[in-house]
Amino acid sequence: MNILLPLLGVLALAGVAYVGVEKAHLHFLFGIAIPYFAIVIFLGGMISRVLGWARAHVPFRITTTCGQQKSLDWIKSSPVEAPSSKLGVWARMALEVLTFRSLFRNTRAEVKEGGKKLVYGPTKWLWLGALIFHYSFLVIFVRHFKFFAEPVPAVVTIAGELDGFFQVGLPVLYLTDLAILAGLGFLLLRRLYLRQVRYISLGSDYFPLFLIIGVALTGILMRYFFKVDVVQVKALGVGLLSLSPKLPDPKLVHWPFYVHLTLVAALLAYFPFSKLTHMLGVFLSPTRNMANDNRARRHENTWDPAVRDQVYPNWEHPHTYAEWQEDFKDKIEACGLAWDDTV
């Protein structure tokens, strides 16, 4: 059901858009109202998530390290794996965002020889598949700015020319159209094939995957098989961005475009409430954006009452561990758990 329900949900979205445009002629709803509604949800949701992350207190230095911390001069340290300066943090963050460094270093565990031996191995195929998908998505996203800007920015034109460098067929076959399907296919097959991954996968993992596959497929079908008037599409895109939208001619822009647009709107609306927010969350992750300089300088815990009252005079007094333990003392004793009265 974790697989079937998300798939049916994406198919239902596509079906509703098809019926709504072809049968009910609700072009305004699916061409203007729903996209604007999705944009409002996306912006409001992402702003709320980012502000929530920014307000979260980080009382300890909990940076993740994969190398030697800086200490004595004669001990060689790892300035990127265990950064002790802002420059090192920026370098590690850049490698994380641009090359998925932590995923490249990731390993998987397998039990072999009849359950007698635990073997760790690399997961470079997962890193490569994720890298192909994300960079293909990025290039496609940049290319689509040609539908929202006039004149078209030079970087968008260059991205399109490089993407269609080999000029296979007519219209030109974009390499990212093939690459994104390959990346998505690998990520989906991995979830379906590996028992361990399939066991821990939820519907919230499959739904955005099916949704992005639907967006990619409808976009490819619209470009190479079901032709639409690009001029009309751009007029709608520019109109949406300038808050003066104008619906395209129904005779020139058919249902594939509205299905594609509806799936994109659904992805935007779902984005702030899903794991896809890691796109921004990585920058606010204390395990990534903090320097590992615990030996070099003292860090005050802002949750400590003596410090908290100075830094945050209006902060509500938080419960200490001892206070929580006292609140749940009867429940702890009722469960037969050991009671520690030394805290």
C-alpha atoms as a PDB file:
ATOM      1  CA  MET A   1       0.000   0.000   0.000  1.00  0.00           C
ATOM      2  CA  ASN A   2       2.948   2.335   0.606  1.00  0.00           C
ATOM      3  CA  ILE A   3       3.708   2.007  -3.108  1.00  0.00           C
ATOM      4  CA  LEU A   4       0.242   1.650  -4.607  1.00  0.00           C
ATOM      5  CA  LEU A   5      -1.477   4.573  -2.895  1.00  0.00           C
ATOM      6  CA  PRO A   6       1.132   7.209  -3.889  1.00  0.00           C
ATOM      7  CA  LEU A   7       1.082   5.908  -7.475  1.00  0.00           C
ATOM      8  CA  LEU A   8      -2.708   6.049  -7.598  1.00  0.00           C
ATOM      9  CA  GLY A   9      -2.604   9.530  -6.095  1.00  0.00           C
ATOM     10  CA  VAL A  10      -0.335  10.841  -8.866  1.00  0.00           C
ATOM     11  CA  LEU A  11      -2.436   9.129 -11.546  1.00  0.00           C
ATOM     12  CA  ALA A  12      -5.562  10.645  -9.985  1.00  0.00           C
ATOM     13  CA  LEU A  13      -4.042  14.131 -10.130  1.00  0.00           C
ATOM     14  CA  ALA A  14      -3.216  13.644 -13.801  1.00  0.00           C
ATOM     15  CA  GLY A  15      -6.679  12.238 -14.490  1.00  0.00           C
ATOM     16  CA  VAL A  16      -8.451  15.101 -12.742  1.00  0.00           C
ATOM     17  CA  ALA A  17      -6.443  17.626 -14.756  1.00  0.00           C
ATOM     18  CA  TYR A  18      -7.240  15.805 -18.014  1.00  0.00           C
ATOM     19  CA  VAL A  19     -10.971  15.567 -17.305  1.00  0.00           C
ATOM     20  CA  GLY A  20     -11.127  19.104 -15.952  1.00  0.00           C
ATOM     21  CA  VAL A  21      -9.598  20.576 -19.102  1.00  0.00           C
ATOM     22  CA  GLU A  22     -10.880  18.267 -21.839  1.00  0.00           C
ATOM     23  CA  LYS A  23     -14.386  17.634 -20.540  1.00  0.00           C
ATOM     24  CA  ALA A  24     -15.244  20.428 -18.110  1.00  0.00           C
ATOM     25  CA  HIS A  25     -13.160  23.133 -19.853  1.00  0.00           C
ATOM     26  CA  LEU A  26     -11.830  24.442 -16.550  1.00  0.00           C
ATOM     27  CA  HIS A  27      -8.802  26.064 -18.140  1.00  0.00           C
ATOM     28  CA  PHE A  28      -8.759  28.978 -15.679  1.00  0.00           C
ATOM     29  CA  LEU A  29      -8.767  26.654 -12.678  1.00  0.00           C
ATOM     30  CA  PHE A  30      -5.906  24.445 -13.883  1.00  0.00           C
ATOM     31  CA  GLY A  31      -3.986  27.137 -15.758  1.00  0.00           C
ATOM     32  CA  ILE A  32      -4.098  30.043 -13.307  1.00  0.00           C
ATOM     33  CA  ALA A  33      -5.891  29.394 -10.001  1.00  0.00           C
ATOM     34  CA  ILE A  34      -4.159  26.149  -9.005  1.00  0.00           C
ATOM     35  CA  PRO A  35      -0.631  27.358  -9.911  1.00  0.00           C
ATOM     36  CA  TYR A  36      -1.088  30.547  -7.874  1.00  0.00           C
ATOM     37  CA  PHE A  37      -2.514  28.558  -4.962  1.00  0.00           C
ATOM     38  CA  ALA A  38       0.465  26.169  -5.085  1.00  0.00           C
ATOM     39  CA  ILE A  39       2.957  29.041  -5.164  1.00  0.00           C
ATOM     40  CA  VAL A  40       1.369  30.651  -2.097  1.00  0.00           C
ATOM     41  CA  ILE A  41       1.503  27.351  -0.187  1.00  0.00           C
ATOM     42  CA  PHE A  42       5.103  26.761  -1.261  1.00  0.00           C
ATOM     43  CA  LEU A  43       6.349  30.201  -0.239  1.00  0.00           C
ATOM     44  CA  GLY A  44       4.385  30.293   3.009  1.00  0.00           C
ATOM     45  CA  GLY A  45       5.360  26.751   3.940  1.00  0.00           C
ATOM     46  CA  MET A  46       9.051  27.194   3.180  1.00  0.00           C
ATOM     47  CA  ILE A  47       9.251  30.501   5.054  1.00  0.00           C
ATOM     48  CA  SER A  48       7.568  28.872   8.053  1.00  0.00           C
ATOM     49  CA  ARG A  49       9.948  25.906   7.978  1.00  0.00           C
ATOM     50  CA  VAL A  50      13.064  28.066   7.671  1.00  0.00           C
ATOM     51  CA  LEU A  51      11.966  30.391  10.491  1.00  0.00           C
ATOM     52  CA  GLY A  52      11.243  27.370  12.666  1.00  0.00           C
ATOM     53  CA  TRP A  53      14.720  25.970  12.027  1.00  0.00           C
ATOM     54  CA  ALA A  54      16.327  29.371  12.641  1.00  0.00           C
ATOM     55  CA  ARG A  55      14.538  29.758  16.002  1.00  0.00           C
ATOM     56  CA  ALA A  56      15.594  26.318  17.243  1.00  0.00           C
ATOM     57  CA  HIS A  57      18.203  26.533  19.995  1.00  0.00           C
ATOM     58  CA  VAL A  58      21.405  24.556  19.586  1.00  0.00           C
ATOM     59  CA  PRO A  59      22.860  24.313  23.091  1.00  0.00           C
ATOM     60  CA  PHE A  60      25.841  22.158  22.146  1.00  0.00           C
ATOM     61  CA  ARG A  61      28.464  21.941  19.423  1.00  0.00           C
ATOM     62  CA  ILE A  62      27.207  18.848  17.606  1.00  0.00           C
ATOM     63  CA  THR A  63      29.063  19.169  14.326  1.00  0.00           C
ATOM     64  CA  THR A  64      29.643  15.907  12.472  1.00  0.00           C
ATOM     65  CA  THR A  65      33.302  15.072  11.968  1.00  0.00           C
ATOM     66  CA  CYS A  66      35.039  12.502   9.799  1.00  0.00           C
ATOM     67  CA  GLY A  67      38.642  13.388  10.543  1.00  0.00           C
ATOM     68  CA  GLN A  68      41.175  14.583  13.082  1.00  0.00           C
ATOM     69  CA  GLN A  69      40.154  17.650  15.051  1.00  0.00           C
ATOM     70  CA  LYS A  70      42.603  20.561  15.256  1.00  0.00           C
ATOM     71  CA  SER A  71      44.555  20.413  18.498  1.00  0.00           C
ATOM     72  CA  LEU A  72      48.338  20.448  18.897  1.00  0.00           C
ATOM     73  CA  ASP A  73      50.471  21.876  16.120  1.00  0.00           C
ATOM     74  CA  TRP A  74      52.372  18.637  15.570  1.00  0.00           C
ATOM     75  CA  ILE A  75      49.146  16.628  15.044  1.00  0.00           C
ATOM     76  CA  LYS A  76      47.911  16.856  11.473  1.00  0.00           C
ATOM     77  CA  SER A  77      44.246  17.880  11.369  1.00  0.00           C
ATOM     78  CA  SER A  78      41.557  17.628   8.677  1.00  0.00           C
ATOM     79  CA  PRO A  79      40.480  21.209   7.832  1.00  0.00           C
ATOM     80  CA  VAL A  80      37.486  19.999   5.772  1.00  0.00           C
ATOM     81  CA  GLU A  81      36.474  16.781   7.534  1.00  0.00           C
ATOM     82  CA  ALA A  82      36.730  18.443  10.978  1.00  0.00           C
ATOM     83  CA  PRO A  83      36.709  22.169  10.181  1.00  0.00           C
ATOM     84  CA  SER A  84      37.910  24.500  12.902  1.00  0.00           C
ATOM     85  CA  SER A  85      37.310  27.730  10.943  1.00  0.00           C
ATOM     86  CA  LYS A  86      34.506  29.319   8.954  1.00  0.00           C
ATOM     87  CA  LEU A  87      36.487  28.771   5.761  1.00  0.00           C
ATOM     88  CA  GLY A  88      36.640  25.057   6.484  1.00  0.00           C
ATOM     89  CA  VAL A  89      32.886  24.987   7.199  1.00  0.00           C
ATOM     90  CA  TRP A  90      32.183  26.750   3.895  1.00  0.00           C
ATOM     91  CA  ALA A  91      34.428  24.297   2.042  1.00  0.00           C
ATOM     92  CA  ARG A  92      32.713  21.292   3.605  1.00  0.00           C
ATOM     93  CA  MET A  93      29.272  22.760   2.943  1.00  0.00           C
ATOM     94  CA  ALA A  94      30.187  23.429  -0.692  1.00  0.00           C
ATOM     95  CA  LEU A  95      31.376  19.840  -1.137  1.00  0.00           C
ATOM     96  CA  GLU A  96      28.208  18.579   0.538  1.00  0.00           C
ATOM     97  CA  VAL A  97      25.866  20.644  -1.629  1.00  0.00           C
ATOM     98  CA  LEU A  98      27.701  20.381  -4.944  1.00  0.00           C
ATOM     99  CA  THR A  99      29.103  16.840  -4.806  1.00  0.00           C
ATOM    100  CA  PHE A 100      27.042  15.055  -2.091  1.00  0.00           C
ATOM    101  CA  ARG A 101      30.242  14.259  -0.213  1.00  0.00           C
ATOM    102  CA  SER A 102      28.575  12.477   2.719  1.00  0.00           C
ATOM    103  CA  LEU A 103      26.614  10.247   0.326  1.00  0.00           C
ATOM    104  CA  PHE A 104      29.831   9.438  -1.551  1.00  0.00           C
ATOM    105  CA  ARG A 105      31.397   8.304   1.723  1.00  0.00           C
ATOM    106  CA  ASN A 106      28.327   6.298   2.732  1.00  0.00           C
ATOM    107  CA  THR A 107      28.559   2.535   3.190  1.00  0.00           C
ATOM    108  CA  ARG A 108      26.063  -0.304   3.378  1.00  0.00           C
ATOM    109  CA  ALA A 109      26.073  -3.365   5.618  1.00  0.00           C
ATOM    110  CA  GLU A 110      25.294  -6.882   4.411  1.00  0.00           C
ATOM    111  CA  VAL A 111      25.150 -10.166   6.296  1.00  0.00           C
ATOM    112  CA  LYS A 112      26.952 -12.938   4.433  1.00  0.00           C
ATOM    113  CA  GLU A 113      28.104 -16.531   4.917  1.00  0.00           C
ATOM    114  CA  GLY A 114      24.817 -17.669   6.373  1.00  0.00           C
ATOM    115  CA  GLY A 115      24.484 -14.820   8.812  1.00  0.00           C
ATOM    116  CA  LYS A 116      27.947 -15.286  10.307  1.00  0.00           C
ATOM    117  CA  LYS A 117      29.704 -12.315   8.790  1.00  0.00           C
ATOM    118  CA  LEU A 118      28.789  -8.636   8.579  1.00  0.00           C
ATOM    119  CA  VAL A 119      30.379  -6.982   5.531  1.00  0.00           C
ATOM    120  CA  TYR A 120      30.494  -3.266   4.807  1.00  0.00           C
ATOM    121  CA  GLY A 121      30.645  -2.084   1.208  1.00  0.00           C
ATOM    122  CA  PRO A 122      30.439   1.122  -0.839  1.00  0.00           C
ATOM    123  CA  THR A 123      27.248   2.659  -2.197  1.00  0.00           C
ATOM    124  CA  LYS A 124      28.749   4.603  -5.089  1.00  0.00           C
ATOM    125  CA  TRP A 125      25.843   3.705  -7.411  1.00  0.00           C
ATOM    126  CA  LEU A 126      23.437   5.471  -5.063  1.00  0.00           C
ATOM    127  CA  TRP A 127      25.708   8.531  -5.032  1.00  0.00           C
ATOM    128  CA  LEU A 128      25.961   8.523  -8.842  1.00  0.00           C
ATOM    129  CA  GLY A 129      22.206   8.078  -9.329  1.00  0.00           C
ATOM    130  CA  ALA A 130      21.405  10.899  -6.900  1.00  0.00           C
ATOM    131  CA  LEU A 131      23.987  13.160  -8.526  1.00  0.00           C
ATOM    132  CA  ILE A 132      22.617  12.513 -12.028  1.00  0.00           C
ATOM    133  CA  PHE A 133      19.040  13.171 -10.933  1.00  0.00           C
ATOM    134  CA  HIS A 134      19.744  16.367  -8.988  1.00  0.00           C
ATOM    135  CA  TYR A 135      21.952  17.973 -11.620  1.00  0.00           C
ATOM    136  CA  SER A 136      19.558  17.025 -14.407  1.00  0.00           C
ATOM    137  CA  PHE A 137      16.711  18.544 -12.420  1.00  0.00           C
ATOM    138  CA  LEU A 138      18.774  21.701 -11.863  1.00  0.00           C
ATOM    139  CA  VAL A 139      19.557  22.127 -15.571  1.00  0.00           C
ATOM    140  CA  ILE A 140      15.922  21.527 -16.536  1.00  0.00           C
ATOM    141  CA  PHE A 141      14.817  24.041 -13.899  1.00  0.00           C
ATOM    142  CA  VAL A 142      17.220  26.651 -15.300  1.00  0.00           C
ATOM    143  CA  ARG A 143      16.127  25.927 -18.889  1.00  0.00           C
ATOM    144  CA  HIS A 144      12.504  26.561 -17.975  1.00  0.00           C
ATOM    145  CA  PHE A 145      13.252  30.181 -17.105  1.00  0.00           C
ATOM    146  CA  LYS A 146      12.958  30.892 -20.813  1.00  0.00           C
ATOM    147  CA  PHE A 147       9.192  30.589 -20.313  1.00  0.00           C
ATOM    148  CA  PHE A 148       9.149  33.265 -17.601  1.00  0.00           C
ATOM    149  CA  ALA A 149      11.566  35.939 -18.783  1.00  0.00           C
ATOM    150  CA  GLU A 150      11.827  38.205 -21.805  1.00  0.00           C
ATOM    151  CA  PRO A 151      14.532  38.699 -22.900  1.00  0.00           C
ATOM    152  CA  VAL A 152      15.844  35.280 -21.980  1.00  0.00           C
ATOM    153  CA  PRO A 153      18.875  35.517 -19.627  1.00  0.00           C
ATOM    154  CA  ALA A 154      22.183  34.472 -21.168  1.00  0.00           C
ATOM    155  CA  VAL A 155      22.745  31.731 -18.576  1.00  0.00           C
ATOM    156  CA  VAL A 156      19.443  30.101 -19.580  1.00  0.00           C
ATOM    157  CA  THR A 157      20.382  30.188 -23.264  1.00  0.00           C
ATOM    158  CA  ILE A 158      23.808  28.709 -22.546  1.00  0.00           C
ATOM    159  CA  ALA A 159      22.290  25.939 -20.400  1.00  0.00           C
ATOM    160  CA  GLY A 160      19.925  25.009 -23.246  1.00  0.00           C
ATOM    161  CA  GLU A 161      22.700  24.991 -25.833  1.00  0.00           C
ATOM    162  CA  LEU A 162      24.979  22.814 -23.712  1.00  0.00           C
ATOM    163  CA  ASP A 163      22.120  20.472 -22.862  1.00  0.00           C
ATOM    164  CA  GLY A 164      21.311  19.983 -26.551  1.00  0.00           C
ATOM    165  CA  PHE A 165      24.953  19.965 -27.641  1.00  0.00           C
ATOM    166  CA  PHE A 166      24.707  16.791 -29.732  1.00  0.00           C
ATOM    167  CA  GLN A 167      21.594  18.037 -31.594  1.00  0.00           C
ATOM    168  CA  VAL A 168      20.050  14.597 -31.944  1.00  0.00           C
ATOM    169  CA  GLY A 169      16.758  14.728 -33.902  1.00  0.00           C
ATOM    170  CA  LEU A 170      14.287  17.541 -34.217  1.00  0.00           C
ATOM    171  CA  PRO A 171      13.322  19.025 -31.857  1.00  0.00           C
ATOM    172  CA  VAL A 172      16.771  18.782 -30.313  1.00  0.00           C
ATOM    173  CA  LEU A 173      17.031  15.976 -27.780  1.00  0.00           C
ATOM    174  CA  TYR A 174      18.135  17.325 -24.421  1.00  0.00           C
ATOM    175  CA  LEU A 175      20.573  15.072 -22.588  1.00  0.00           C
ATOM    176  CA  THR A 176      19.004  15.910 -19.238  1.00  0.00           C
ATOM    177  CA  ASP A 177      15.672  14.500 -20.431  1.00  0.00           C
ATOM    178  CA  LEU A 178      17.309  11.093 -20.651  1.00  0.00           C
ATOM    179  CA  ALA A 179      19.487  11.579 -17.588  1.00  0.00           C
ATOM    180  CA  ILE A 180      16.655  12.536 -15.253  1.00  0.00           C
ATOM    181  CA  LEU A 181      14.642   9.467 -16.276  1.00  0.00           C
ATOM    182  CA  ALA A 182      17.715   7.294 -15.697  1.00  0.00           C
ATOM    183  CA  GLY A 183      18.320   8.840 -12.278  1.00  0.00           C
ATOM    184  CA  LEU A 184      14.684   8.592 -11.219  1.00  0.00           C
ATOM    185  CA  GLY A 185      14.437   5.044 -12.519  1.00  0.00           C
ATOM    186  CA  PHE A 186      17.486   3.999 -10.519  1.00  0.00           C
ATOM    187  CA  LEU A 187      16.227   5.612  -7.304  1.00  0.00           C
ATOM    188  CA  LEU A 188      12.806   3.979  -7.714  1.00  0.00           C
ATOM    189  CA  LEU A 189      14.160   0.529  -8.600  1.00  0.00           C
ATOM    190  CA  ARG A 190      16.542   0.697  -5.668  1.00  0.00           C
ATOM    191  CA  ARG A 191      13.621   1.262  -3.287  1.00  0.00           C
ATOM    192  CA  LEU A 192      11.681  -1.577  -4.867  1.00  0.00           C
ATOM    193  CA  TYR A 193      14.538  -4.078  -5.224  1.00  0.00           C
ATOM    194  CA  LEU A 194      16.459  -3.772  -1.958  1.00  0.00           C
ATOM    195  CA  ARG A 195      14.481  -5.389   0.837  1.00  0.00           C
ATOM    196  CA  GLN A 196      16.015  -3.257   3.578  1.00  0.00           C
ATOM    197  CA  VAL A 197      15.240  -0.004   1.758  1.00  0.00           C
ATOM    198  CA  ARG A 198      11.747  -1.176   0.793  1.00  0.00           C
ATOM    199  CA  TYR A 199      11.031  -2.109   4.414  1.00  0.00           C
ATOM    200  CA  ILE A 200      11.804   1.366   5.773  1.00  0.00           C
ATOM    201  CA  SER A 201      10.235   3.269   2.843  1.00  0.00           C
ATOM    202  CA  LEU A 202       6.934   5.021   3.509  1.00  0.00           C
ATOM    203  CA  GLY A 203       4.290   6.457   1.242  1.00  0.00           C
ATOM    204  CA  SER A 204       5.881   9.870   1.834  1.00  0.00           C
ATOM    205  CA  ASP A 205       9.035   8.512   0.183  1.00  0.00           C
ATOM    206  CA  TYR A 206       7.281   7.176  -2.911  1.00  0.00           C
ATOM    207  CA  PHE A 207       4.810  10.001  -3.501  1.00  0.00           C
ATOM    208  CA  PRO A 208       7.325  12.759  -4.395  1.00  0.00           C
ATOM    209  CA  LEU A 209       9.276  10.231  -6.446  1.00  0.00           C
ATOM    210  CA  PHE A 210       6.209   9.298  -8.507  1.00  0.00           C
ATOM    211  CA  LEU A 211       5.244  12.968  -8.705  1.00  0.00           C
ATOM    212  CA  ILE A 212       8.616  14.002 -10.145  1.00  0.00           C
ATOM    213  CA  ILE A 213       8.510  11.062 -12.560  1.00  0.00           C
ATOM    214  CA  GLY A 214       5.083  12.254 -13.685  1.00  0.00           C
ATOM    215  CA  VAL A 215       6.376  15.793 -14.182  1.00  0.00           C
ATOM    216  CA  ALA A 216       9.349  14.543 -16.202  1.00  0.00           C
ATOM    217  CA  LEU A 217       7.297  12.162 -18.358  1.00  0.00           C
ATOM    218  CA  THR A 218       4.582  14.690 -19.188  1.00  0.00           C
ATOM    219  CA  GLY A 219       7.226  17.282 -20.022  1.00  0.00           C
ATOM    220  CA  ILE A 220       9.036  14.861 -22.343  1.00  0.00           C
ATOM    221  CA  LEU A 221       5.795  13.727 -23.980  1.00  0.00           C
ATOM    222  CA  MET A 222       4.790  17.332 -24.514  1.00  0.00           C
ATOM    223  CA  ARG A 223       8.129  18.247 -26.091  1.00  0.00           C
ATOM    224  CA  TYR A 224       8.631  15.278 -28.426  1.00  0.00           C
ATOM    225  CA  PHE A 225       5.171  13.805 -29.086  1.00  0.00           C
ATOM    226  CA  PHE A 226       2.219  16.038 -28.113  1.00  0.00           C
ATOM    227  CA  LYS A 227       3.138  19.400 -29.581  1.00  0.00           C
ATOM    228  CA  VAL A 228       2.028  22.624 -27.902  1.00  0.00           C
ATOM    229  CA  ASP A 229       2.478  26.229 -28.973  1.00  0.00           C
ATOM    230  CA  VAL A 230       5.582  27.418 -27.090  1.00  0.00           C
ATOM    231  CA  VAL A 231       4.721  31.079 -27.685  1.00  0.00           C
ATOM    232  CA  GLN A 232       1.350  30.626 -25.986  1.00  0.00           C
ATOM    233  CA  VAL A 233       2.960  28.763 -23.089  1.00  0.00           C
ATOM    234  CA  LYS A 234       5.535  31.513 -22.615  1.00  0.00           C
ATOM    235  CA  ALA A 235       2.837  34.168 -22.670  1.00  0.00           C
ATOM    236  CA  LEU A 236       1.102  32.357 -19.816  1.00  0.00           C
ATOM    237  CA  GLY A 237       4.374  31.952 -17.907  1.00  0.00           C
ATOM    238  CA  VAL A 238       5.311  35.617 -18.222  1.00  0.00           C
ATOM    239  CA  GLY A 239       1.756  36.576 -17.287  1.00  0.00           C
ATOM    240  CA  LEU A 240       1.809  34.410 -14.152  1.00  0.00           C
ATOM    241  CA  LEU A 241       5.097  35.940 -13.061  1.00  0.00           C
ATOM    242  CA  SER A 242       3.891  39.519 -13.705  1.00  0.00           C
ATOM    243  CA  LEU A 243       0.531  38.849 -11.989  1.00  0.00           C
ATOM    244  CA  SER A 244      -1.347  39.475 -15.245  1.00  0.00           C
ATOM    245  CA  PRO A 245      -1.933  35.959 -16.603  1.00  0.00           C
ATOM    246  CA  LYS A 246      -3.669  35.276 -19.855  1.00  0.00           C
ATOM    247  CA  LEU A 247      -4.904  31.817 -20.773  1.00  0.00           C
ATOM    248  CA  PRO A 248      -3.469  30.305 -23.966  1.00  0.00           C
ATOM    249  CA  ASP A 249      -5.638  29.376 -26.920  1.00  0.00           C
ATOM    250  CA  PRO A 250      -7.209  25.941 -26.163  1.00  0.00           C
ATOM    251  CA  LYS A 251      -6.713  24.964 -29.796  1.00  0.00           C
ATOM    252  CA  LEU A 252      -2.951  25.489 -29.530  1.00  0.00           C
ATOM    253  CA  VAL A 253      -2.267  24.309 -25.968  1.00  0.00           C
ATOM    254  CA  HIS A 254      -3.889  20.976 -25.139  1.00  0.00           C
ATOM    255  CA  TRP A 255      -4.375  18.757 -22.088  1.00  0.00           C
ATOM    256  CA  PRO A 256      -0.735  17.488 -21.792  1.00  0.00           C
ATOM    257  CA  PHE A 257       0.349  20.979 -20.785  1.00  0.00           C
ATOM    258  CA  TYR A 258      -2.329  21.282 -18.099  1.00  0.00           C
ATOM    259  CA  VAL A 259      -1.549  17.819 -16.730  1.00  0.00           C
ATOM    260  CA  HIS A 260       2.133  18.796 -16.580  1.00  0.00           C
ATOM    261  CA  LEU A 261       1.308  22.115 -14.909  1.00  0.00           C
ATOM    262  CA  THR A 262      -0.994  20.454 -12.372  1.00  0.00           C
ATOM    263  CA  LEU A 263       1.676  17.940 -11.359  1.00  0.00           C
ATOM    264  CA  VAL A 264       4.215  20.759 -10.994  1.00  0.00           C
ATOM    265  CA  ALA A 265       1.730  22.674  -8.824  1.00  0.00           C
ATOM    266  CA  ALA A 266       1.145  19.574  -6.690  1.00  0.00           C
ATOM    267  CA  LEU A 267       4.915  19.182  -6.252  1.00  0.00           C
ATOM    268  CA  LEU A 268       5.245  22.814  -5.182  1.00  0.00           C
ATOM    269  CA  ALA A 269       2.380  22.571  -2.694  1.00  0.00           C
ATOM    270  CA  TYR A 270       3.695  19.302  -1.250  1.00  0.00           C
ATOM    271  CA  PHE A 271       7.311  20.469  -1.047  1.00  0.00           C
ATOM    272  CA  PRO A 272       7.274  22.342   2.325  1.00  0.00           C
ATOM    273  CA  PHE A 273       5.653  19.388   4.116  1.00  0.00           C
ATOM    274  CA  SER A 274       7.975  16.685   2.801  1.00  0.00           C
ATOM    275  CA  LYS A 275      11.547  15.486   3.079  1.00  0.00           C
ATOM    276  CA  LEU A 276      12.318  17.515  -0.027  1.00  0.00           C
ATOM    277  CA  THR A 277      12.969  20.483   2.271  1.00  0.00           C
ATOM    278  CA  HIS A 278      16.460  19.081   2.776  1.00  0.00           C
ATOM    279  CA  MET A 279      17.267  21.378  -0.159  1.00  0.00           C
ATOM    280  CA  LEU A 280      17.302  24.285   2.331  1.00  0.00           C
ATOM    281  CA  GLY A 281      17.580  22.329   5.558  1.00  0.00           C
ATOM    282  CA  VAL A 282      21.156  21.307   4.816  1.00  0.00           C
ATOM    283  CA  PHE A 283      22.269  24.923   5.201  1.00  0.00           C
ATOM    284  CA  LEU A 284      20.679  25.168   8.661  1.00  0.00           C
ATOM    285  CA  SER A 285      21.831  21.789   9.918  1.00  0.00           C
ATOM    286  CA  PRO A 286      24.038  22.277  13.009  1.00  0.00           C
ATOM    287  CA  THR A 287      25.864  19.059  12.206  1.00  0.00           C
ATOM    288  CA  ARG A 288      27.068  20.709   8.991  1.00  0.00           C
ATOM    289  CA  ASN A 289      27.205  24.479   9.545  1.00  0.00           C
ATOM    290  CA  MET A 290      29.169  24.552  12.827  1.00  0.00           C
ATOM    291  CA  ALA A 291      32.935  24.640  13.252  1.00  0.00           C
ATOM    292  CA  ASN A 292      34.488  21.895  15.345  1.00  0.00           C
ATOM    293  CA  ASP A 293      36.453  24.228  17.609  1.00  0.00           C
ATOM    294  CA  ASN A 294      35.518  22.903  21.039  1.00  0.00           C
ATOM    295  CA  ARG A 295      39.162  22.725  22.102  1.00  0.00           C
ATOM    296  CA  ALA A 296      39.932  26.243  20.898  1.00  0.00           C
ATOM    297  CA  ARG A 297      37.160  28.235  22.535  1.00  0.00           C
ATOM    298  CA  ARG A 298      34.501  27.896  25.213  1.00  0.00           C
ATOM    299  CA  HIS A 299      30.867  27.650  24.152  1.00  0.00           C
ATOM    300  CA  GLU A 300      28.211  28.686  26.619  1.00  0.00           C
ATOM    301  CA  ASN A 301      25.055  26.606  26.765  1.00  0.00           C
ATOM    302  CA  THR A 302      22.206  29.110  26.309  1.00  0.00           C
ATOM    303  CA  TRP A 303      19.859  26.642  28.003  1.00  0.00           C
ATOM    304  CA  ASP A 304      21.874  26.901  31.211  1.00  0.00           C
ATOM    305  CA  PRO A 305      19.740  29.049  33.565  1.00  0.00           C
ATOM    306  CA  ALA A 306      22.645  31.298  34.562  1.00  0.00           C
ATOM    307  CA  VAL A 307      23.449  32.064  30.938  1.00  0.00           C
ATOM    308  CA  ARG A 308      19.898  31.860  29.569  1.00  0.00           C
ATOM    309  CA  ASP A 309      18.543  34.564  31.867  1.00  0.00           C
ATOM    310  CA  GLN A 310      21.161  36.983  30.524  1.00  0.00           C
ATOM    311  CA  VAL A 311      20.883  36.104  26.851  1.00  0.00           C
ATOM    312  CA  TYR A 312      17.123  35.413  26.736  1.00  0.00           C
ATOM    313  CA  PRO A 313      15.498  37.278  29.657  1.00  0.00           C
ATOM    314  CA  ASN A 314      11.975  36.507  28.368  1.00  0.00           C
ATOM    315  CA  TRP A 315      12.652  32.827  27.694  1.00  0.00           C
ATOM    316  CA  GLU A 316      10.257  30.457  29.433  1.00  0.00           C
ATOM    317  CA  HIS A 317      12.040  28.306  31.995  1.00  0.00           C
ATOM    318  CA  PRO A 318      12.703  24.907  30.415  1.00  0.00           C
ATOM    319  CA  HIS A 319      12.403  21.633  32.266  1.00  0.00           C
ATOM    320  CA  THR A 320      15.645  20.074  33.405  1.00  0.00           C
ATOM    321  CA  TYR A 321      16.113  16.319  33.195  1.00  0.00           C
ATOM    322  CA  ALA A 322      15.602  16.000  36.948  1.00  0.00           C
ATOM    323  CA  GLU A 323      12.316  17.901  36.728  1.00  0.00           C
ATOM    324  CA  TRP A 324      11.062  15.704  33.909  1.00  0.00           C
ATOM    325  CA  GLN A 325      12.042  12.633  35.857  1.00  0.00           C
ATOM    326  CA  GLU A 326      10.124  13.866  38.879  1.00  0.00           C
ATOM    327  CA  ASP A 327       7.029  14.533  36.737  1.00  0.00           C
ATOM    328  CA  PHE A 328       7.037  10.967  35.424  1.00  0.00           C
ATOM    329  CA  LYS A 329       8.266   9.279  38.595  1.00  0.00           C
ATOM    330  CA  ASP A 330       5.045   7.357  39.183  1.00  0.00           C
ATOM    331  CA  LYS A 331       4.879   6.142  35.593  1.00  0.00           C
ATOM    332  CA  ILE A 332       8.509   5.040  35.667  1.00  0.00           C
ATOM    333  CA  GLU A 333       7.971   3.079  38.873  1.00  0.00           C
ATOM    334  CA  ALA A 334       4.728   1.579  37.529  1.00  0.00           C
ATOM    335  CA  CYS A 335       6.620   0.197  34.530  1.00  0.00           C
ATOM    336  CA  GLY A 336       9.163  -1.430  36.803  1.00  0.00           C
ATOM    337  CA  LEU A 337      12.024   0.581  35.435  1.00  0.00           C
ATOM    338  CA  ALA A 338      15.091   1.426  37.487  1.00  0.00           C
ATOM    339  CA  TRP A 339      14.796   4.718  39.337  1.00  0.00           C
ATOM    340  CA  ASP A 340      17.851   6.931  39.421  1.00  0.00           C
ATOM    341  CA  ASP A 341      17.623   9.487  42.214  1.00  0.00           C
ATOM    342  CA  THR A 342      21.163  10.750  41.826  1.00  0.00           C
ATOM    343  CA  VAL A 343      20.380  13.266  39.042  1.00  0.00           C
END
